[in-house]
N, C-alpha and C. Protein backbone atom coordinates (compact mmCIF):
# COMPACT_ATOMS: atom_id res chain seq x y z
N UNK A 1 0.83 -1.20 0.00
CA UNK A 1 0.00 0.00 0.00
C UNK A 1 0.87 1.26 0.00
N UNK A 2 1.90 1.30 0.85
CA UNK A 2 2.78 2.47 0.91
C UNK A 2 3.45 2.72 -0.43
N UNK A 3 3.91 1.62 -1.07
CA UNK A 3 4.60 1.77 -2.36
C UNK A 3 3.63 2.28 -3.42
N UNK A 4 2.41 1.79 -3.43
CA UNK A 4 1.43 2.26 -4.40
C UNK A 4 1.09 3.72 -4.18
N UNK A 5 0.97 4.12 -2.92
CA UNK A 5 0.67 5.52 -2.63
C UNK A 5 1.81 6.43 -3.09
N UNK A 6 3.05 5.98 -2.84
CA UNK A 6 4.19 6.78 -3.25
C UNK A 6 4.27 6.86 -4.77
N UNK A 7 4.05 5.75 -5.46
CA UNK A 7 4.09 5.76 -6.92
C UNK A 7 3.05 6.73 -7.49
N UNK A 8 1.87 6.73 -6.91
CA UNK A 8 0.81 7.63 -7.38
C UNK A 8 1.21 9.08 -7.15
N UNK A 9 1.76 9.37 -5.97
CA UNK A 9 2.18 10.73 -5.66
C UNK A 9 3.30 11.18 -6.57
N UNK A 10 4.28 10.32 -6.82
CA UNK A 10 5.40 10.69 -7.68
C UNK A 10 4.94 10.95 -9.11
N UNK A 11 3.96 10.19 -9.57
CA UNK A 11 3.41 10.42 -10.91
C UNK A 11 2.77 11.80 -10.99
N UNK A 12 2.09 12.19 -9.94
CA UNK A 12 1.45 13.52 -9.90
C UNK A 12 2.51 14.62 -9.84
N UNK A 13 3.56 14.40 -9.05
CA UNK A 13 4.63 15.38 -8.95
C UNK A 13 5.31 15.56 -10.30
N UNK A 14 5.61 14.47 -10.98
CA UNK A 14 6.33 14.55 -12.26
C UNK A 14 5.47 15.14 -13.37
N UNK A 15 4.16 15.11 -13.16
CA UNK A 15 3.26 15.72 -14.15
C UNK A 15 2.92 17.17 -13.80
N UNK A 16 3.41 17.64 -12.67
CA UNK A 16 3.04 18.98 -12.18
C UNK A 16 3.58 20.07 -13.12
N UNK A 17 2.72 21.02 -13.42
CA UNK A 17 3.11 22.19 -14.22
C UNK A 17 2.61 23.47 -13.55
N UNK A 18 2.52 23.45 -12.22
CA UNK A 18 1.96 24.58 -11.48
C UNK A 18 2.76 25.86 -11.69
N UNK A 19 4.05 25.76 -11.94
CA UNK A 19 4.89 26.94 -12.10
C UNK A 19 5.26 27.20 -13.56
N UNK A 20 4.61 26.51 -14.48
CA UNK A 20 5.01 26.59 -15.90
C UNK A 20 4.99 28.00 -16.43
N UNK A 21 4.01 28.80 -16.03
CA UNK A 21 3.91 30.16 -16.56
C UNK A 21 4.98 31.09 -15.98
N UNK A 22 5.64 30.65 -14.90
CA UNK A 22 6.67 31.48 -14.27
C UNK A 22 8.06 31.21 -14.82
N UNK A 23 8.23 30.08 -15.50
CA UNK A 23 9.53 29.69 -16.04
C UNK A 23 9.62 30.06 -17.52
N UNK A 24 10.84 30.24 -17.98
CA UNK A 24 11.05 30.42 -19.41
C UNK A 24 11.43 29.12 -20.08
N UNK A 25 11.12 28.01 -19.43
CA UNK A 25 11.45 26.69 -19.95
C UNK A 25 10.39 25.71 -19.46
N UNK A 26 10.35 24.53 -20.07
CA UNK A 26 9.41 23.50 -19.66
C UNK A 26 9.83 22.92 -18.31
N UNK A 27 8.94 22.89 -17.32
CA UNK A 27 9.29 22.31 -16.02
C UNK A 27 9.67 20.83 -16.17
N UNK A 28 10.62 20.41 -15.34
CA UNK A 28 11.01 19.00 -15.29
C UNK A 28 11.27 18.63 -13.84
N UNK A 29 10.24 18.19 -13.12
CA UNK A 29 10.44 17.83 -11.71
C UNK A 29 11.47 16.72 -11.56
N UNK A 30 12.42 16.93 -10.64
CA UNK A 30 13.47 15.94 -10.37
C UNK A 30 13.37 15.56 -8.90
N UNK A 31 13.06 14.30 -8.64
CA UNK A 31 12.96 13.81 -7.27
C UNK A 31 13.35 12.33 -7.28
N UNK A 32 14.07 11.90 -6.28
CA UNK A 32 14.56 10.51 -6.20
C UNK A 32 14.25 9.97 -4.81
N UNK A 33 13.12 9.28 -4.67
CA UNK A 33 12.74 8.70 -3.39
C UNK A 33 12.15 7.32 -3.59
N UNK A 34 12.22 6.49 -2.54
CA UNK A 34 11.57 5.18 -2.52
C UNK A 34 11.00 4.96 -1.12
N UNK A 35 10.18 3.95 -0.99
CA UNK A 35 9.65 3.62 0.34
C UNK A 35 10.74 3.07 1.25
N UNK A 36 11.91 2.76 0.70
CA UNK A 36 13.03 2.25 1.49
C UNK A 36 13.96 3.36 1.96
N UNK A 37 13.60 4.60 1.72
CA UNK A 37 14.46 5.74 2.07
C UNK A 37 14.87 5.71 3.53
N UNK A 38 16.18 5.71 3.78
CA UNK A 38 16.73 5.85 5.14
C UNK A 38 17.43 7.20 5.29
N UNK A 39 18.13 7.61 4.23
CA UNK A 39 18.85 8.88 4.21
C UNK A 39 18.13 9.80 3.23
N UNK A 40 17.56 10.88 3.73
CA UNK A 40 16.83 11.82 2.87
C UNK A 40 17.61 13.13 2.78
N UNK A 41 17.94 13.51 1.56
CA UNK A 41 18.71 14.73 1.31
C UNK A 41 17.77 15.78 0.76
N UNK A 42 17.63 16.86 1.50
CA UNK A 42 16.71 17.94 1.12
C UNK A 42 17.52 19.17 0.72
N UNK A 43 17.62 19.41 -0.56
CA UNK A 43 18.37 20.54 -1.04
C UNK A 43 17.47 21.71 -1.39
N UNK A 44 17.93 22.53 -2.32
CA UNK A 44 17.24 23.76 -2.67
C UNK A 44 16.34 23.55 -3.88
N UNK A 45 16.92 23.45 -5.06
CA UNK A 45 16.20 23.20 -6.30
C UNK A 45 17.22 22.75 -7.33
N UNK A 46 16.80 22.01 -8.33
CA UNK A 46 17.76 21.57 -9.35
C UNK A 46 18.39 22.75 -10.08
N UNK A 47 19.65 22.60 -10.45
CA UNK A 47 20.31 23.56 -11.31
C UNK A 47 20.09 23.19 -12.77
N UNK A 48 20.67 23.97 -13.66
CA UNK A 48 20.45 23.72 -15.09
C UNK A 48 20.94 22.35 -15.51
N UNK A 49 22.11 21.94 -15.03
CA UNK A 49 22.66 20.64 -15.44
C UNK A 49 21.76 19.50 -14.96
N UNK A 50 21.25 19.61 -13.74
CA UNK A 50 20.33 18.59 -13.23
C UNK A 50 19.03 18.61 -14.02
N UNK A 51 18.56 19.78 -14.38
CA UNK A 51 17.37 19.90 -15.21
C UNK A 51 17.55 19.14 -16.52
N UNK A 52 18.73 19.21 -17.08
CA UNK A 52 18.99 18.56 -18.37
C UNK A 52 19.15 17.05 -18.24
N UNK A 53 19.79 16.59 -17.17
CA UNK A 53 20.06 15.15 -17.02
C UNK A 53 18.94 14.40 -16.32
N UNK A 54 18.20 15.10 -15.44
CA UNK A 54 17.15 14.44 -14.66
C UNK A 54 17.68 13.71 -13.44
N UNK A 55 18.99 13.87 -13.15
CA UNK A 55 19.59 13.23 -11.99
C UNK A 55 19.89 14.27 -10.91
N UNK A 56 19.41 14.08 -9.69
CA UNK A 56 19.69 15.07 -8.64
C UNK A 56 21.17 15.15 -8.30
N UNK A 57 21.65 16.35 -8.09
CA UNK A 57 23.05 16.61 -7.74
C UNK A 57 24.02 16.02 -8.77
N UNK A 58 23.63 16.07 -10.03
CA UNK A 58 24.50 15.60 -11.11
C UNK A 58 25.33 16.77 -11.63
N UNK A 59 26.17 17.30 -10.75
CA UNK A 59 26.95 18.50 -11.06
C UNK A 59 28.08 18.61 -10.05
N UNK A 60 28.94 19.61 -10.17
CA UNK A 60 30.03 19.74 -9.19
C UNK A 60 29.56 19.86 -7.75
N UNK A 61 28.39 20.46 -7.54
CA UNK A 61 27.85 20.51 -6.17
C UNK A 61 27.62 19.10 -5.64
N UNK A 62 27.13 18.24 -6.51
CA UNK A 62 26.91 16.85 -6.10
C UNK A 62 28.21 16.13 -5.78
N UNK A 63 29.26 16.43 -6.55
CA UNK A 63 30.56 15.81 -6.27
C UNK A 63 31.04 16.19 -4.88
N UNK A 64 30.89 17.47 -4.54
CA UNK A 64 31.32 17.92 -3.21
C UNK A 64 30.43 17.30 -2.13
N UNK A 65 29.13 17.27 -2.37
CA UNK A 65 28.22 16.68 -1.39
C UNK A 65 28.57 15.23 -1.13
N UNK A 66 28.83 14.47 -2.19
CA UNK A 66 29.18 13.05 -2.00
C UNK A 66 30.48 12.88 -1.23
N UNK A 67 31.42 13.81 -1.39
CA UNK A 67 32.64 13.77 -0.58
C UNK A 67 32.29 13.97 0.88
N UNK A 68 31.44 14.94 1.17
CA UNK A 68 31.03 15.16 2.55
C UNK A 68 30.36 13.92 3.15
N UNK A 69 29.56 13.23 2.34
CA UNK A 69 28.79 12.09 2.84
C UNK A 69 29.59 10.79 2.89
N UNK A 70 30.74 10.76 2.22
CA UNK A 70 31.51 9.52 2.16
C UNK A 70 30.87 8.50 1.25
N UNK A 71 30.20 8.96 0.18
CA UNK A 71 29.50 8.08 -0.75
C UNK A 71 30.08 8.24 -2.15
N UNK A 72 30.14 7.13 -2.89
CA UNK A 72 30.55 7.26 -4.27
C UNK A 72 29.32 7.48 -5.15
N UNK A 73 29.56 7.82 -6.39
CA UNK A 73 28.47 8.18 -7.30
C UNK A 73 27.52 6.99 -7.53
N UNK A 74 28.08 5.80 -7.65
CA UNK A 74 27.24 4.64 -7.92
C UNK A 74 26.26 4.40 -6.77
N UNK A 75 26.74 4.41 -5.54
CA UNK A 75 25.85 4.21 -4.40
C UNK A 75 24.82 5.31 -4.30
N UNK A 76 25.23 6.53 -4.58
CA UNK A 76 24.34 7.68 -4.46
C UNK A 76 23.10 7.52 -5.35
N UNK A 77 23.31 6.95 -6.54
CA UNK A 77 22.20 6.85 -7.49
C UNK A 77 21.52 5.48 -7.53
N UNK A 78 22.13 4.46 -6.95
CA UNK A 78 21.54 3.13 -7.07
C UNK A 78 21.02 2.54 -5.76
N UNK A 79 21.50 3.03 -4.62
CA UNK A 79 21.03 2.51 -3.34
C UNK A 79 19.65 3.10 -3.04
N UNK A 80 18.59 2.29 -2.96
CA UNK A 80 17.24 2.82 -2.75
C UNK A 80 17.05 3.46 -1.39
N UNK A 81 18.02 3.32 -0.50
CA UNK A 81 17.92 3.94 0.82
C UNK A 81 18.41 5.37 0.83
N UNK A 82 19.07 5.80 -0.26
CA UNK A 82 19.62 7.15 -0.37
C UNK A 82 18.74 7.94 -1.33
N UNK A 83 18.07 8.95 -0.84
CA UNK A 83 17.09 9.64 -1.67
C UNK A 83 17.21 11.16 -1.55
N UNK A 84 16.70 11.83 -2.58
CA UNK A 84 16.81 13.28 -2.69
C UNK A 84 15.45 13.88 -2.99
N UNK A 85 15.04 14.84 -2.17
CA UNK A 85 13.79 15.56 -2.39
C UNK A 85 14.02 17.04 -2.07
N UNK A 86 14.34 17.86 -3.07
CA UNK A 86 14.63 19.27 -2.82
C UNK A 86 13.38 20.05 -2.44
N UNK A 87 13.59 21.28 -2.02
CA UNK A 87 12.47 22.13 -1.63
C UNK A 87 11.58 22.47 -2.82
N UNK A 88 12.16 22.57 -3.99
CA UNK A 88 11.40 22.71 -5.23
C UNK A 88 11.96 21.70 -6.22
N UNK A 89 11.10 21.04 -6.95
CA UNK A 89 11.53 19.93 -7.79
C UNK A 89 12.02 20.35 -9.17
N UNK A 90 11.74 21.58 -9.58
CA UNK A 90 12.10 22.04 -10.91
C UNK A 90 13.17 23.13 -10.88
N UNK A 91 13.96 23.17 -11.91
CA UNK A 91 14.94 24.25 -12.09
C UNK A 91 14.19 25.57 -12.22
N UNK A 92 14.46 26.54 -11.34
CA UNK A 92 13.70 27.79 -11.36
C UNK A 92 14.20 28.83 -12.35
N UNK A 93 15.31 28.54 -13.01
CA UNK A 93 15.86 29.48 -13.97
C UNK A 93 17.05 30.24 -13.40
N UNK A 94 17.78 30.88 -14.28
CA UNK A 94 18.99 31.62 -13.91
C UNK A 94 18.69 33.10 -13.77
N UNK A 95 19.10 33.66 -12.67
CA UNK A 95 18.93 35.09 -12.42
C UNK A 95 19.97 35.86 -13.24
N UNK A 96 19.56 36.85 -14.03
CA UNK A 96 20.54 37.62 -14.82
C UNK A 96 21.62 38.26 -13.96
N UNK A 97 21.33 38.47 -12.68
CA UNK A 97 22.31 39.08 -11.78
C UNK A 97 23.32 38.06 -11.25
N UNK A 98 23.10 36.78 -11.56
CA UNK A 98 24.02 35.73 -11.12
C UNK A 98 23.34 34.68 -10.28
N UNK A 99 23.70 33.42 -10.50
CA UNK A 99 23.11 32.33 -9.75
C UNK A 99 21.71 32.00 -10.24
N UNK A 100 21.13 30.99 -9.62
CA UNK A 100 19.77 30.59 -9.96
C UNK A 100 18.76 31.32 -9.08
N UNK A 101 17.53 31.40 -9.56
CA UNK A 101 16.46 31.95 -8.74
C UNK A 101 16.21 31.02 -7.55
N UNK A 102 15.67 31.53 -6.45
CA UNK A 102 15.37 30.66 -5.30
C UNK A 102 14.24 29.69 -5.63
N UNK A 103 14.12 28.63 -4.85
CA UNK A 103 13.04 27.66 -5.11
C UNK A 103 11.67 28.29 -4.88
N UNK A 104 10.74 28.17 -5.82
CA UNK A 104 9.39 28.72 -5.61
C UNK A 104 8.72 28.06 -4.41
N UNK A 105 8.23 28.82 -3.44
CA UNK A 105 7.61 28.22 -2.25
C UNK A 105 6.36 27.41 -2.57
N UNK A 106 5.74 27.67 -3.72
CA UNK A 106 4.53 26.94 -4.10
C UNK A 106 4.77 25.44 -4.15
N UNK A 107 5.96 25.03 -4.57
CA UNK A 107 6.25 23.60 -4.71
C UNK A 107 6.16 22.88 -3.38
N UNK A 108 6.83 23.42 -2.36
CA UNK A 108 6.78 22.80 -1.03
C UNK A 108 5.37 22.80 -0.48
N UNK A 109 4.63 23.90 -0.72
CA UNK A 109 3.25 23.97 -0.22
C UNK A 109 2.37 22.92 -0.86
N UNK A 110 2.62 22.61 -2.12
CA UNK A 110 1.80 21.63 -2.84
C UNK A 110 2.13 20.19 -2.47
N UNK A 111 3.41 19.88 -2.31
CA UNK A 111 3.82 18.48 -2.31
C UNK A 111 4.57 17.98 -1.08
N UNK A 112 5.23 18.86 -0.34
CA UNK A 112 6.24 18.37 0.61
C UNK A 112 5.68 17.50 1.73
N UNK A 113 4.65 17.95 2.38
CA UNK A 113 4.13 17.17 3.52
C UNK A 113 3.59 15.82 3.06
N UNK A 114 2.93 15.78 1.92
CA UNK A 114 2.41 14.52 1.40
C UNK A 114 3.55 13.56 1.06
N UNK A 115 4.63 14.10 0.50
CA UNK A 115 5.75 13.25 0.13
C UNK A 115 6.44 12.68 1.38
N UNK A 116 6.70 13.52 2.36
CA UNK A 116 7.37 13.05 3.58
C UNK A 116 6.53 12.01 4.30
N UNK A 117 5.22 12.12 4.22
CA UNK A 117 4.33 11.15 4.87
C UNK A 117 4.44 9.77 4.22
N UNK A 118 4.96 9.70 3.01
CA UNK A 118 5.12 8.42 2.30
C UNK A 118 6.49 7.79 2.53
N UNK A 119 7.30 8.40 3.41
CA UNK A 119 8.66 7.91 3.65
C UNK A 119 8.83 7.57 5.13
N UNK A 120 8.23 6.47 5.58
CA UNK A 120 8.19 6.17 7.02
C UNK A 120 9.50 5.64 7.60
N UNK A 121 10.47 5.28 6.75
CA UNK A 121 11.68 4.64 7.26
C UNK A 121 12.87 5.60 7.35
N UNK A 122 12.66 6.87 7.12
CA UNK A 122 13.77 7.83 7.15
C UNK A 122 14.39 7.88 8.54
N UNK A 123 15.70 7.70 8.59
CA UNK A 123 16.45 7.77 9.85
C UNK A 123 17.23 9.08 9.99
N UNK A 124 17.64 9.64 8.86
CA UNK A 124 18.44 10.87 8.90
C UNK A 124 18.03 11.76 7.74
N UNK A 125 17.72 13.01 8.05
CA UNK A 125 17.39 14.01 7.04
C UNK A 125 18.48 15.07 7.02
N UNK A 126 19.03 15.31 5.85
CA UNK A 126 20.05 16.35 5.68
C UNK A 126 19.38 17.58 5.07
N UNK A 127 19.46 18.69 5.77
CA UNK A 127 18.87 19.94 5.32
C UNK A 127 19.97 20.77 4.68
N UNK A 128 20.02 20.76 3.37
CA UNK A 128 21.13 21.34 2.63
C UNK A 128 20.77 22.77 2.20
N UNK A 129 21.32 23.75 2.89
CA UNK A 129 21.08 25.14 2.56
C UNK A 129 19.96 25.77 3.38
N UNK A 130 19.93 27.08 3.33
CA UNK A 130 19.02 27.83 4.19
C UNK A 130 17.55 27.62 3.92
N UNK A 131 17.16 27.39 2.67
CA UNK A 131 15.73 27.22 2.37
C UNK A 131 15.18 25.97 3.04
N UNK A 132 15.88 24.87 2.94
CA UNK A 132 15.44 23.64 3.59
C UNK A 132 15.44 23.79 5.10
N UNK A 133 16.44 24.48 5.62
CA UNK A 133 16.54 24.65 7.07
C UNK A 133 15.41 25.50 7.62
N UNK A 134 15.07 26.57 6.94
CA UNK A 134 13.99 27.43 7.42
C UNK A 134 12.63 26.73 7.35
N UNK A 135 12.44 25.87 6.36
CA UNK A 135 11.18 25.15 6.24
C UNK A 135 11.04 24.11 7.35
N UNK A 136 12.10 23.38 7.63
CA UNK A 136 12.03 22.24 8.54
C UNK A 136 12.28 22.61 10.00
N UNK A 137 13.06 23.65 10.24
CA UNK A 137 13.46 24.00 11.60
C UNK A 137 12.87 25.35 11.97
N UNK A 138 11.68 25.34 12.51
CA UNK A 138 11.02 26.61 12.83
C UNK A 138 11.82 27.42 13.83
N UNK A 139 12.51 26.75 14.77
CA UNK A 139 13.28 27.48 15.77
C UNK A 139 14.53 28.11 15.18
N UNK A 140 14.86 27.73 13.92
CA UNK A 140 16.05 28.29 13.28
C UNK A 140 15.70 29.38 12.27
N UNK A 141 14.43 29.75 12.19
CA UNK A 141 13.98 30.66 11.14
C UNK A 141 14.66 32.03 11.23
N UNK A 142 15.07 32.43 12.41
CA UNK A 142 15.71 33.74 12.54
C UNK A 142 17.22 33.68 12.50
N UNK A 143 17.78 32.51 12.31
CA UNK A 143 19.23 32.35 12.31
C UNK A 143 19.79 32.36 10.89
N UNK A 144 21.04 32.70 10.79
CA UNK A 144 21.73 32.58 9.51
C UNK A 144 22.00 31.10 9.24
N UNK A 145 22.30 30.79 8.00
CA UNK A 145 22.64 29.42 7.65
C UNK A 145 23.86 28.97 8.44
N UNK A 146 24.86 29.84 8.58
CA UNK A 146 26.07 29.47 9.32
C UNK A 146 25.75 29.14 10.77
N UNK A 147 24.93 29.96 11.40
CA UNK A 147 24.58 29.72 12.79
C UNK A 147 23.80 28.42 12.95
N UNK A 148 22.92 28.13 12.00
CA UNK A 148 22.13 26.89 12.06
C UNK A 148 23.02 25.68 11.91
N UNK A 149 23.94 25.72 10.95
CA UNK A 149 24.83 24.57 10.75
C UNK A 149 25.79 24.41 11.92
N UNK A 150 26.27 25.52 12.44
CA UNK A 150 27.22 25.44 13.56
C UNK A 150 26.56 24.83 14.79
N UNK A 151 25.25 25.01 14.93
CA UNK A 151 24.51 24.45 16.06
C UNK A 151 23.94 23.07 15.73
N UNK A 152 24.60 22.33 14.85
CA UNK A 152 24.06 21.06 14.36
C UNK A 152 23.76 20.07 15.47
N UNK A 153 24.46 20.14 16.58
CA UNK A 153 24.26 19.17 17.65
C UNK A 153 22.90 19.31 18.34
N UNK A 154 22.29 20.48 18.27
CA UNK A 154 21.03 20.70 19.00
C UNK A 154 19.81 20.22 18.23
N UNK A 155 19.98 19.86 16.98
CA UNK A 155 18.81 19.52 16.16
C UNK A 155 18.38 18.08 16.30
N UNK A 156 19.13 17.31 17.06
CA UNK A 156 18.73 15.93 17.30
C UNK A 156 19.35 14.97 16.31
N UNK A 157 19.34 13.70 16.63
CA UNK A 157 20.03 12.71 15.79
C UNK A 157 19.38 12.49 14.43
N UNK A 158 18.13 12.90 14.25
CA UNK A 158 17.43 12.62 12.99
C UNK A 158 17.61 13.70 11.94
N UNK A 159 18.25 14.83 12.30
CA UNK A 159 18.39 15.96 11.37
C UNK A 159 19.80 16.53 11.48
N UNK A 160 20.41 16.79 10.32
CA UNK A 160 21.70 17.48 10.29
C UNK A 160 21.61 18.58 9.23
N UNK A 161 21.81 19.84 9.61
CA UNK A 161 21.84 20.93 8.63
C UNK A 161 23.22 21.03 8.00
N UNK A 162 23.25 21.35 6.71
CA UNK A 162 24.51 21.49 5.97
C UNK A 162 24.48 22.75 5.13
N UNK A 163 25.65 23.31 4.82
CA UNK A 163 25.68 24.39 3.84
C UNK A 163 25.42 23.81 2.45
N UNK A 164 25.08 24.67 1.51
CA UNK A 164 24.94 24.17 0.15
C UNK A 164 26.34 23.88 -0.39
N UNK A 165 26.53 22.76 -1.09
CA UNK A 165 27.88 22.38 -1.53
C UNK A 165 28.32 23.01 -2.85
N UNK A 166 27.78 24.15 -3.21
CA UNK A 166 28.17 24.80 -4.46
C UNK A 166 29.58 25.36 -4.36
N UNK A 167 30.10 25.85 -5.49
CA UNK A 167 31.44 26.43 -5.51
C UNK A 167 31.52 27.63 -4.56
N UNK A 168 30.40 28.27 -4.31
CA UNK A 168 30.41 29.42 -3.41
C UNK A 168 30.78 29.04 -1.98
N UNK A 169 30.66 27.75 -1.66
CA UNK A 169 30.96 27.30 -0.30
C UNK A 169 32.46 27.20 -0.02
N UNK A 170 33.28 27.31 -1.05
CA UNK A 170 34.73 27.15 -0.84
C UNK A 170 35.25 28.16 0.17
N UNK A 171 34.89 29.41 0.01
CA UNK A 171 35.33 30.45 0.95
C UNK A 171 34.72 30.19 2.33
N UNK A 172 33.44 29.79 2.35
CA UNK A 172 32.76 29.51 3.63
C UNK A 172 33.50 28.40 4.38
N UNK A 173 33.91 27.37 3.68
CA UNK A 173 34.61 26.26 4.32
C UNK A 173 35.94 26.71 4.92
N UNK A 174 36.62 27.60 4.25
CA UNK A 174 37.90 28.10 4.77
C UNK A 174 37.69 28.93 6.03
N UNK A 175 36.57 29.64 6.07
CA UNK A 175 36.28 30.48 7.23
C UNK A 175 35.69 29.69 8.39
N UNK A 176 35.23 28.51 8.12
CA UNK A 176 34.58 27.68 9.14
C UNK A 176 35.22 26.29 9.18
N UNK A 177 36.48 26.19 9.61
CA UNK A 177 37.18 24.90 9.59
C UNK A 177 36.53 23.84 10.46
N UNK A 178 35.71 24.25 11.43
CA UNK A 178 35.03 23.28 12.30
C UNK A 178 34.13 22.34 11.50
N UNK A 179 33.68 22.78 10.32
CA UNK A 179 32.81 21.91 9.52
C UNK A 179 33.54 20.63 9.13
N UNK A 180 34.73 20.76 8.57
CA UNK A 180 35.47 19.58 8.13
C UNK A 180 36.14 18.85 9.29
N UNK A 181 36.38 19.57 10.40
CA UNK A 181 37.03 18.94 11.55
C UNK A 181 36.04 18.20 12.44
N UNK A 182 34.80 18.69 12.54
CA UNK A 182 33.85 18.12 13.49
C UNK A 182 32.61 17.53 12.82
N UNK A 183 31.94 18.34 12.01
CA UNK A 183 30.66 17.88 11.46
C UNK A 183 30.82 16.84 10.37
N UNK A 184 31.75 17.05 9.44
CA UNK A 184 31.91 16.11 8.33
C UNK A 184 32.23 14.69 8.80
N UNK A 185 33.16 14.49 9.76
CA UNK A 185 33.41 13.12 10.23
C UNK A 185 32.18 12.50 10.90
N UNK A 186 31.47 13.29 11.70
CA UNK A 186 30.25 12.79 12.34
C UNK A 186 29.23 12.39 11.28
N UNK A 187 29.08 13.20 10.26
CA UNK A 187 28.12 12.93 9.19
C UNK A 187 28.45 11.62 8.49
N UNK A 188 29.69 11.42 8.12
CA UNK A 188 30.08 10.20 7.42
C UNK A 188 29.87 8.96 8.30
N UNK A 189 30.17 9.08 9.58
CA UNK A 189 29.97 7.94 10.48
C UNK A 189 28.49 7.61 10.64
N UNK A 190 27.64 8.63 10.74
CA UNK A 190 26.20 8.39 10.85
C UNK A 190 25.67 7.68 9.60
N UNK A 191 26.10 8.15 8.45
CA UNK A 191 25.63 7.55 7.21
C UNK A 191 26.13 6.12 7.06
N UNK A 192 27.39 5.89 7.42
CA UNK A 192 27.93 4.53 7.36
C UNK A 192 27.15 3.60 8.29
N UNK A 193 26.77 4.09 9.46
CA UNK A 193 26.01 3.27 10.40
C UNK A 193 24.62 2.95 9.84
N UNK A 194 23.99 3.92 9.21
CA UNK A 194 22.65 3.72 8.66
C UNK A 194 22.68 2.74 7.48
N UNK A 195 23.70 2.86 6.65
CA UNK A 195 23.77 2.05 5.44
C UNK A 195 24.56 0.76 5.64
N UNK A 196 25.17 0.61 6.81
CA UNK A 196 25.87 -0.63 7.09
C UNK A 196 27.22 -0.74 6.43
N UNK A 197 27.91 0.39 6.24
CA UNK A 197 29.23 0.36 5.63
C UNK A 197 30.23 1.15 6.43
N UNK A 198 31.45 1.17 5.96
CA UNK A 198 32.50 1.93 6.62
C UNK A 198 32.55 3.34 6.05
N UNK A 199 32.86 4.29 6.90
CA UNK A 199 32.97 5.68 6.45
C UNK A 199 34.17 5.83 5.53
N UNK A 200 34.00 6.59 4.46
CA UNK A 200 35.08 6.86 3.53
C UNK A 200 35.82 8.11 3.97
N UNK A 201 37.15 8.07 4.01
CA UNK A 201 37.90 9.26 4.43
C UNK A 201 37.54 10.47 3.58
N UNK A 202 37.48 11.62 4.21
CA UNK A 202 37.08 12.85 3.55
C UNK A 202 38.30 13.62 3.10
N UNK A 203 38.25 14.13 1.88
CA UNK A 203 39.31 14.99 1.37
C UNK A 203 38.84 16.43 1.47
N UNK A 204 39.43 17.25 2.30
CA UNK A 204 39.00 18.64 2.43
C UNK A 204 38.99 19.38 1.11
N UNK A 205 38.07 20.32 0.98
CA UNK A 205 37.99 21.11 -0.24
C UNK A 205 39.23 21.97 -0.38
N UNK A 206 39.67 22.11 -1.61
CA UNK A 206 40.86 22.93 -1.85
C UNK A 206 40.46 24.35 -2.17
């Protein structure tokens, strides 16, 4: 029953065109979840490359994220326990001033609670970036992303906030060495415990 409900919901999500008139391109919802989800990665919204390939985090941001998690590309895309559900499922377009537009809040309002209700086995949720953190952590709504991530220990064992792994994070990582010294090793160990494997050594960002 759970699998059928999830399949029906995913079909509706992938057919969604609620934001079509706001984009200059055809929407392409990108979401990777199963009823076996143990590790749920909640990011911001797909970028252009992900929009084109249909694979979540199929870009340099994904490479950095997988380093943080201690996962290789094959496991990331083939293990049904590792899933990705961003705050908005479609690429929102590129802002002429630089970067992508933020995720349209309409997407989360339409789909997020229903989708999470179909994932009863989630053991760890990663909140990647400020948009996911503000949605999920009401007590963190007034904090900066840095403050929220730095206070990762207070959010409980089921949730870990992370910065977005884009190229823009390189400077942030240099200014916040505690991330790679404290949070990244804890994160890899938690994921290894959930998935039943050994943590992969982390190579700090250059």
